[in-house]
């Protein structure tokens, strides 16, 4: 079960990055809060917040960013206005099917990803906001 939650958290970087390639979303430092829901769990999974720097390179090719794990392949992909929907199939440790939808603006986005992996179903909701420029290295 712990591996599934870890795989889900790793996958959450996929969804936000997917939206970043659309012209409306800007590169920079982002705060991303994920809330996972899993049917049958006796307790609520705590929300997780991370910071991630999206570079110009990240926003160039949306499809490559969505399926950046070489064990994942996009099976569907659509952009309509400010909404991106996609489906993906993965093999290996995170084997399963994933579908998602991201609605975004210039400095924020909201995503929902549904996962069916290792015999478990999970929904992950994401809220993100741009904090500013990426930190200097």
N, C-alpha and C. Protein backbone atom coordinates (compact mmCIF):
# COMPACT_ATOMS: atom_id res chain seq x y z
N UNK A 1 0.83 -1.19 0.00
CA UNK A 1 0.00 0.00 0.00
C UNK A 1 0.88 1.25 0.00
N UNK A 2 1.96 1.23 0.81
CA UNK A 2 2.84 2.38 0.88
C UNK A 2 3.47 2.66 -0.48
N UNK A 3 3.84 1.59 -1.22
CA UNK A 3 4.43 1.76 -2.55
C UNK A 3 3.44 2.43 -3.49
N UNK A 4 2.17 2.07 -3.37
CA UNK A 4 1.14 2.65 -4.22
C UNK A 4 1.03 4.14 -3.98
N UNK A 5 1.02 4.54 -2.72
CA UNK A 5 0.93 5.97 -2.39
C UNK A 5 2.17 6.71 -2.91
N UNK A 6 3.35 6.10 -2.77
CA UNK A 6 4.58 6.73 -3.27
C UNK A 6 4.52 6.85 -4.79
N UNK A 7 4.06 5.80 -5.47
CA UNK A 7 3.92 5.85 -6.92
C UNK A 7 2.94 6.95 -7.33
N UNK A 8 1.87 7.09 -6.57
CA UNK A 8 0.88 8.13 -6.87
C UNK A 8 1.48 9.52 -6.72
N UNK A 9 2.28 9.72 -5.68
CA UNK A 9 2.88 11.03 -5.47
C UNK A 9 3.87 11.35 -6.59
N UNK A 10 4.60 10.34 -7.03
CA UNK A 10 5.52 10.55 -8.15
C UNK A 10 4.77 10.88 -9.42
N UNK A 11 3.67 10.23 -9.62
CA UNK A 11 2.86 10.48 -10.80
C UNK A 11 2.27 11.88 -10.78
N UNK A 12 2.09 12.46 -9.63
CA UNK A 12 1.49 13.79 -9.55
C UNK A 12 2.36 14.85 -10.18
N UNK A 13 3.65 14.63 -10.29
CA UNK A 13 4.47 15.59 -11.01
C UNK A 13 4.16 15.54 -12.49
N UNK A 14 3.64 14.42 -12.96
CA UNK A 14 3.29 14.29 -14.36
C UNK A 14 2.15 15.22 -14.72
N UNK A 15 1.08 15.22 -13.97
CA UNK A 15 -0.11 16.00 -14.30
C UNK A 15 0.17 17.49 -14.33
N UNK A 16 0.76 18.08 -13.28
CA UNK A 16 1.02 19.50 -13.34
C UNK A 16 1.95 19.88 -14.48
N UNK A 17 2.96 19.07 -14.71
CA UNK A 17 3.89 19.38 -15.79
C UNK A 17 3.18 19.36 -17.13
N UNK A 18 2.18 18.53 -17.28
CA UNK A 18 1.46 18.44 -18.53
C UNK A 18 0.85 19.79 -18.90
N UNK A 19 0.27 20.45 -17.96
CA UNK A 19 -0.39 21.71 -18.25
C UNK A 19 0.61 22.82 -18.53
N UNK A 20 1.84 22.67 -18.06
CA UNK A 20 2.80 23.75 -18.17
C UNK A 20 3.18 24.06 -19.60
N UNK A 21 2.99 23.13 -20.53
CA UNK A 21 3.39 23.37 -21.90
C UNK A 21 2.43 24.30 -22.63
N UNK A 22 1.25 24.46 -22.13
CA UNK A 22 0.30 25.35 -22.78
C UNK A 22 0.73 26.78 -22.52
N UNK A 23 0.62 27.62 -23.55
CA UNK A 23 1.13 28.99 -23.49
C UNK A 23 0.67 29.78 -22.28
N UNK A 24 -0.50 29.47 -21.73
CA UNK A 24 -1.02 30.26 -20.64
C UNK A 24 -0.24 30.08 -19.34
N UNK A 25 0.34 28.93 -19.14
CA UNK A 25 1.02 28.67 -17.87
C UNK A 25 2.48 29.08 -17.99
N UNK A 26 2.98 29.75 -16.95
CA UNK A 26 4.33 30.29 -17.00
C UNK A 26 5.33 29.39 -16.28
N UNK A 27 6.56 29.45 -16.75
CA UNK A 27 7.65 28.77 -16.06
C UNK A 27 7.85 29.44 -14.70
N UNK A 28 8.53 28.76 -13.79
CA UNK A 28 8.82 29.35 -12.50
C UNK A 28 8.68 28.35 -11.37
N UNK A 29 8.77 28.87 -10.15
CA UNK A 29 8.64 28.06 -8.94
C UNK A 29 7.16 27.92 -8.59
N UNK A 30 6.70 26.68 -8.42
CA UNK A 30 5.31 26.40 -8.14
C UNK A 30 5.16 25.63 -6.84
N UNK A 31 4.09 25.92 -6.12
CA UNK A 31 3.72 25.15 -4.94
C UNK A 31 2.56 24.25 -5.35
N UNK A 32 2.72 22.94 -5.15
CA UNK A 32 1.76 21.95 -5.62
C UNK A 32 1.25 21.14 -4.42
N UNK A 33 -0.05 21.19 -4.17
CA UNK A 33 -0.65 20.44 -3.07
C UNK A 33 -1.52 19.34 -3.65
N UNK A 34 -1.24 18.10 -3.23
CA UNK A 34 -1.95 16.92 -3.72
C UNK A 34 -2.74 16.29 -2.59
N UNK A 35 -3.97 15.89 -2.88
CA UNK A 35 -4.81 15.18 -1.92
C UNK A 35 -5.28 13.89 -2.58
N UNK A 36 -4.89 12.76 -2.01
CA UNK A 36 -5.26 11.45 -2.56
C UNK A 36 -6.46 10.89 -1.82
N UNK A 37 -7.34 10.25 -2.59
CA UNK A 37 -8.51 9.58 -2.03
C UNK A 37 -8.52 8.15 -2.55
N UNK A 38 -8.65 7.19 -1.63
CA UNK A 38 -8.65 5.80 -2.01
C UNK A 38 -9.83 5.10 -1.34
N UNK A 39 -10.76 4.56 -2.14
CA UNK A 39 -11.92 3.88 -1.55
C UNK A 39 -11.47 2.74 -0.63
N UNK A 40 -12.15 2.64 0.51
CA UNK A 40 -11.85 1.57 1.44
C UNK A 40 -10.73 1.84 2.42
N UNK A 41 -10.08 2.98 2.31
CA UNK A 41 -9.02 3.31 3.26
C UNK A 41 -9.66 3.66 4.59
N UNK A 42 -9.16 3.12 5.69
CA UNK A 42 -9.76 3.39 6.99
C UNK A 42 -9.51 4.82 7.47
N UNK A 43 -8.53 5.49 6.90
CA UNK A 43 -8.24 6.87 7.30
C UNK A 43 -7.95 7.70 6.05
N UNK A 44 -8.08 8.99 6.18
CA UNK A 44 -7.82 9.91 5.08
C UNK A 44 -6.31 10.01 4.87
N UNK A 45 -5.88 9.94 3.63
CA UNK A 45 -4.46 10.10 3.31
C UNK A 45 -4.12 11.58 3.44
N UNK A 46 -3.08 11.92 4.21
CA UNK A 46 -2.73 13.33 4.39
C UNK A 46 -2.33 14.00 3.06
N UNK A 47 -2.68 15.26 2.94
CA UNK A 47 -2.28 16.04 1.76
C UNK A 47 -0.77 16.20 1.77
N UNK A 48 -0.22 16.38 0.58
CA UNK A 48 1.22 16.56 0.42
C UNK A 48 1.46 17.83 -0.37
N UNK A 49 2.40 18.66 0.08
CA UNK A 49 2.73 19.88 -0.63
C UNK A 49 4.21 19.86 -0.97
N UNK A 50 4.51 20.14 -2.24
CA UNK A 50 5.90 20.22 -2.69
C UNK A 50 6.09 21.51 -3.46
N UNK A 51 7.33 21.88 -3.68
CA UNK A 51 7.67 22.99 -4.57
C UNK A 51 8.41 22.41 -5.75
N UNK A 52 8.08 22.91 -6.93
CA UNK A 52 8.71 22.41 -8.15
C UNK A 52 9.00 23.57 -9.08
N UNK A 53 10.17 23.55 -9.70
CA UNK A 53 10.56 24.58 -10.65
C UNK A 53 10.30 24.07 -12.06
N UNK A 54 9.40 24.72 -12.78
CA UNK A 54 9.16 24.41 -14.18
C UNK A 54 10.01 25.35 -15.03
N UNK A 55 10.88 24.77 -15.85
CA UNK A 55 11.78 25.55 -16.70
C UNK A 55 11.17 25.73 -18.09
N UNK A 56 11.83 26.53 -18.92
CA UNK A 56 11.39 26.69 -20.31
C UNK A 56 11.42 25.35 -21.03
N UNK A 57 12.41 24.52 -20.73
CA UNK A 57 12.50 23.20 -21.33
C UNK A 57 11.29 22.35 -20.96
N UNK A 58 10.83 22.46 -19.72
CA UNK A 58 9.67 21.68 -19.27
C UNK A 58 8.42 22.00 -20.08
N UNK A 59 8.29 23.23 -20.51
CA UNK A 59 7.04 23.66 -21.14
C UNK A 59 7.05 23.54 -22.66
N UNK A 60 8.11 23.02 -23.24
CA UNK A 60 8.20 22.94 -24.70
C UNK A 60 7.30 21.87 -25.32
N UNK A 61 7.34 20.65 -24.83
CA UNK A 61 6.59 19.55 -25.44
C UNK A 61 5.74 18.86 -24.39
N UNK A 62 4.49 19.20 -24.38
CA UNK A 62 3.56 18.71 -23.38
C UNK A 62 3.49 17.19 -23.33
N UNK A 63 3.44 16.53 -24.46
CA UNK A 63 3.31 15.07 -24.48
C UNK A 63 4.51 14.40 -23.83
N UNK A 64 5.70 14.90 -24.08
CA UNK A 64 6.90 14.31 -23.48
C UNK A 64 6.90 14.50 -21.97
N UNK A 65 6.38 15.62 -21.51
CA UNK A 65 6.35 15.88 -20.07
C UNK A 65 5.34 14.98 -19.37
N UNK A 66 4.19 14.77 -19.99
CA UNK A 66 3.16 13.92 -19.38
C UNK A 66 3.70 12.51 -19.18
N UNK A 67 4.28 11.95 -20.21
CA UNK A 67 4.76 10.56 -20.16
C UNK A 67 6.29 10.53 -20.08
N UNK A 68 6.86 11.28 -19.15
CA UNK A 68 8.32 11.36 -19.10
C UNK A 68 8.97 10.11 -18.57
N UNK A 69 8.22 9.25 -17.90
CA UNK A 69 8.74 7.96 -17.49
C UNK A 69 8.74 7.06 -18.72
N UNK A 70 9.88 6.46 -19.06
CA UNK A 70 9.96 5.64 -20.26
C UNK A 70 9.10 4.38 -20.18
N UNK A 71 8.54 4.10 -19.01
CA UNK A 71 7.65 2.95 -18.85
C UNK A 71 6.19 3.35 -19.00
N UNK A 72 5.92 4.61 -19.36
CA UNK A 72 4.56 5.09 -19.55
C UNK A 72 4.36 5.56 -20.99
N UNK A 73 3.17 5.29 -21.53
CA UNK A 73 2.85 5.69 -22.90
C UNK A 73 1.47 6.32 -22.93
N UNK A 74 1.39 7.50 -23.56
CA UNK A 74 0.10 8.16 -23.73
C UNK A 74 -0.78 7.35 -24.67
N UNK A 75 -2.03 7.16 -24.28
CA UNK A 75 -2.99 6.46 -25.13
C UNK A 75 -4.08 7.41 -25.62
N UNK A 76 -4.17 8.60 -25.03
CA UNK A 76 -5.13 9.62 -25.45
C UNK A 76 -4.62 10.97 -24.97
N UNK A 77 -4.90 12.02 -25.74
CA UNK A 77 -4.40 13.34 -25.40
C UNK A 77 -5.23 14.40 -26.13
N UNK A 78 -5.83 15.33 -25.37
CA UNK A 78 -6.64 16.38 -25.99
C UNK A 78 -6.44 17.70 -25.25
N UNK A 79 -6.43 18.78 -26.03
CA UNK A 79 -6.38 20.13 -25.46
C UNK A 79 -7.59 20.87 -25.98
N UNK A 80 -8.36 21.48 -25.06
CA UNK A 80 -9.52 22.27 -25.43
C UNK A 80 -9.51 23.53 -24.57
N UNK A 81 -9.16 24.65 -25.17
CA UNK A 81 -9.08 25.90 -24.41
C UNK A 81 -8.03 25.78 -23.31
N UNK A 82 -8.46 25.98 -22.07
CA UNK A 82 -7.51 25.90 -20.95
C UNK A 82 -7.57 24.54 -20.24
N UNK A 83 -8.11 23.52 -20.93
CA UNK A 83 -8.22 22.19 -20.32
C UNK A 83 -7.42 21.17 -21.13
N UNK A 84 -6.66 20.34 -20.42
CA UNK A 84 -5.90 19.24 -21.01
C UNK A 84 -6.46 17.95 -20.42
N UNK A 85 -6.83 17.00 -21.28
CA UNK A 85 -7.24 15.68 -20.81
C UNK A 85 -6.32 14.66 -21.46
N UNK A 86 -6.05 13.58 -20.74
CA UNK A 86 -5.13 12.57 -21.24
C UNK A 86 -5.39 11.22 -20.58
N UNK A 87 -4.87 10.19 -21.22
CA UNK A 87 -4.89 8.84 -20.66
C UNK A 87 -3.51 8.25 -20.91
N UNK A 88 -3.07 7.42 -20.00
CA UNK A 88 -1.73 6.88 -20.08
C UNK A 88 -1.72 5.46 -19.51
N UNK A 89 -0.87 4.62 -20.06
CA UNK A 89 -0.69 3.27 -19.54
C UNK A 89 0.78 3.10 -19.18
N UNK A 90 1.02 2.59 -17.97
CA UNK A 90 2.39 2.41 -17.49
C UNK A 90 2.66 0.95 -17.16
N UNK A 91 3.92 0.56 -17.26
CA UNK A 91 4.37 -0.77 -16.86
C UNK A 91 5.37 -0.59 -15.73
N UNK A 92 5.87 -1.67 -15.17
CA UNK A 92 6.86 -1.59 -14.10
C UNK A 92 6.21 -1.37 -12.75
N UNK A 93 6.93 -0.70 -11.84
CA UNK A 93 6.45 -0.50 -10.46
C UNK A 93 5.14 0.26 -10.40
N UNK A 94 4.95 1.21 -11.30
CA UNK A 94 3.71 2.00 -11.32
C UNK A 94 2.75 1.49 -12.39
N UNK A 95 2.79 0.19 -12.70
CA UNK A 95 1.95 -0.39 -13.75
C UNK A 95 0.48 -0.10 -13.49
N UNK A 96 -0.20 0.33 -14.55
CA UNK A 96 -1.62 0.60 -14.43
C UNK A 96 -2.07 1.59 -15.48
N UNK A 97 -3.32 2.02 -15.34
CA UNK A 97 -3.86 3.02 -16.25
C UNK A 97 -4.14 4.30 -15.46
N UNK A 98 -3.94 5.42 -16.13
CA UNK A 98 -4.09 6.73 -15.52
C UNK A 98 -4.88 7.61 -16.48
N UNK A 99 -5.82 8.38 -15.96
CA UNK A 99 -6.51 9.39 -16.75
C UNK A 99 -6.48 10.68 -15.97
N UNK A 100 -6.45 11.79 -16.67
CA UNK A 100 -6.39 13.05 -15.96
C UNK A 100 -6.98 14.20 -16.72
N UNK A 101 -7.27 15.26 -15.96
CA UNK A 101 -7.77 16.51 -16.51
C UNK A 101 -7.15 17.64 -15.71
N UNK A 102 -6.62 18.63 -16.42
CA UNK A 102 -6.04 19.79 -15.77
C UNK A 102 -6.66 21.04 -16.36
N UNK A 103 -7.14 21.93 -15.51
CA UNK A 103 -7.67 23.23 -15.93
C UNK A 103 -6.75 24.27 -15.32
N UNK A 104 -6.23 25.15 -16.15
CA UNK A 104 -5.19 26.04 -15.65
C UNK A 104 -5.35 27.47 -16.11
N UNK A 105 -4.67 28.31 -15.39
CA UNK A 105 -4.55 29.72 -15.72
C UNK A 105 -3.07 30.06 -15.76
N UNK A 106 -2.78 31.32 -15.82
CA UNK A 106 -1.39 31.77 -15.93
C UNK A 106 -0.57 31.40 -14.69
N UNK A 107 -1.13 31.57 -13.51
CA UNK A 107 -0.38 31.37 -12.28
C UNK A 107 -1.00 30.36 -11.33
N UNK A 108 -1.90 29.52 -11.83
CA UNK A 108 -2.50 28.48 -10.98
C UNK A 108 -3.08 27.39 -11.89
N UNK A 109 -3.29 26.21 -11.32
CA UNK A 109 -4.01 25.16 -12.01
C UNK A 109 -4.62 24.20 -11.00
N UNK A 110 -5.64 23.47 -11.47
CA UNK A 110 -6.30 22.42 -10.69
C UNK A 110 -6.34 21.17 -11.55
N UNK A 111 -6.01 20.03 -10.95
CA UNK A 111 -5.98 18.77 -11.68
C UNK A 111 -6.72 17.68 -10.91
N UNK A 112 -7.23 16.74 -11.67
CA UNK A 112 -7.77 15.51 -11.09
C UNK A 112 -7.20 14.36 -11.90
N UNK A 113 -6.61 13.39 -11.23
CA UNK A 113 -6.08 12.21 -11.88
C UNK A 113 -6.71 10.98 -11.25
N UNK A 114 -7.18 10.08 -12.09
CA UNK A 114 -7.72 8.80 -11.61
C UNK A 114 -6.74 7.71 -12.01
N UNK A 115 -6.41 6.88 -11.02
CA UNK A 115 -5.44 5.82 -11.23
C UNK A 115 -6.08 4.48 -10.95
N UNK A 116 -5.69 3.49 -11.73
CA UNK A 116 -6.08 2.11 -11.48
C UNK A 116 -4.77 1.33 -11.59
N UNK A 117 -4.17 1.03 -10.44
CA UNK A 117 -2.85 0.40 -10.43
C UNK A 117 -2.75 -0.64 -9.32
N UNK A 118 -2.09 -1.71 -9.62
CA UNK A 118 -1.87 -2.79 -8.66
C UNK A 118 -3.18 -3.24 -7.99
N UNK A 119 -4.27 -3.24 -8.76
CA UNK A 119 -5.56 -3.66 -8.23
C UNK A 119 -6.25 -2.64 -7.35
N UNK A 120 -5.72 -1.44 -7.27
CA UNK A 120 -6.30 -0.38 -6.43
C UNK A 120 -6.71 0.80 -7.30
N UNK A 121 -7.74 1.48 -6.86
CA UNK A 121 -8.18 2.71 -7.53
C UNK A 121 -7.91 3.88 -6.60
N UNK A 122 -7.48 4.98 -7.18
CA UNK A 122 -7.18 6.17 -6.39
C UNK A 122 -7.49 7.40 -7.23
N UNK A 123 -7.98 8.44 -6.57
CA UNK A 123 -8.18 9.73 -7.20
C UNK A 123 -7.26 10.72 -6.51
N UNK A 124 -6.54 11.49 -7.30
CA UNK A 124 -5.63 12.49 -6.74
C UNK A 124 -6.06 13.86 -7.26
N UNK A 125 -6.32 14.77 -6.32
CA UNK A 125 -6.70 16.15 -6.67
C UNK A 125 -5.51 17.06 -6.36
N UNK A 126 -5.24 17.96 -7.29
CA UNK A 126 -4.08 18.84 -7.16
C UNK A 126 -4.51 20.28 -7.31
N UNK A 127 -3.98 21.12 -6.44
CA UNK A 127 -4.12 22.58 -6.56
C UNK A 127 -2.71 23.14 -6.56
N UNK A 128 -2.43 24.00 -7.51
CA UNK A 128 -1.08 24.55 -7.61
C UNK A 128 -1.13 26.05 -7.87
N UNK A 129 -0.08 26.71 -7.41
CA UNK A 129 0.02 28.15 -7.66
C UNK A 129 1.48 28.52 -7.87
N UNK A 130 1.69 29.48 -8.75
CA UNK A 130 3.04 29.95 -9.05
C UNK A 130 3.48 30.90 -7.94
N UNK A 131 4.69 30.65 -7.43
CA UNK A 131 5.23 31.48 -6.36
C UNK A 131 6.12 32.60 -6.88
N UNK A 132 6.70 32.41 -8.05
CA UNK A 132 7.62 33.39 -8.61
C UNK A 132 8.65 32.68 -9.48
N UNK A 133 9.79 33.33 -9.66
CA UNK A 133 10.85 32.73 -10.46
C UNK A 133 11.49 31.56 -9.73
N UNK A 134 12.12 30.67 -10.51
CA UNK A 134 12.84 29.55 -9.91
C UNK A 134 14.06 30.09 -9.15
N UNK A 135 14.44 29.41 -8.06
CA UNK A 135 15.62 29.86 -7.31
C UNK A 135 16.88 29.80 -8.18
N UNK A 136 17.78 30.72 -7.94
CA UNK A 136 19.07 30.73 -8.66
C UNK A 136 19.89 29.55 -8.18
N UNK A 137 20.62 28.95 -9.10
CA UNK A 137 21.45 27.80 -8.73
C UNK A 137 22.83 28.22 -8.34
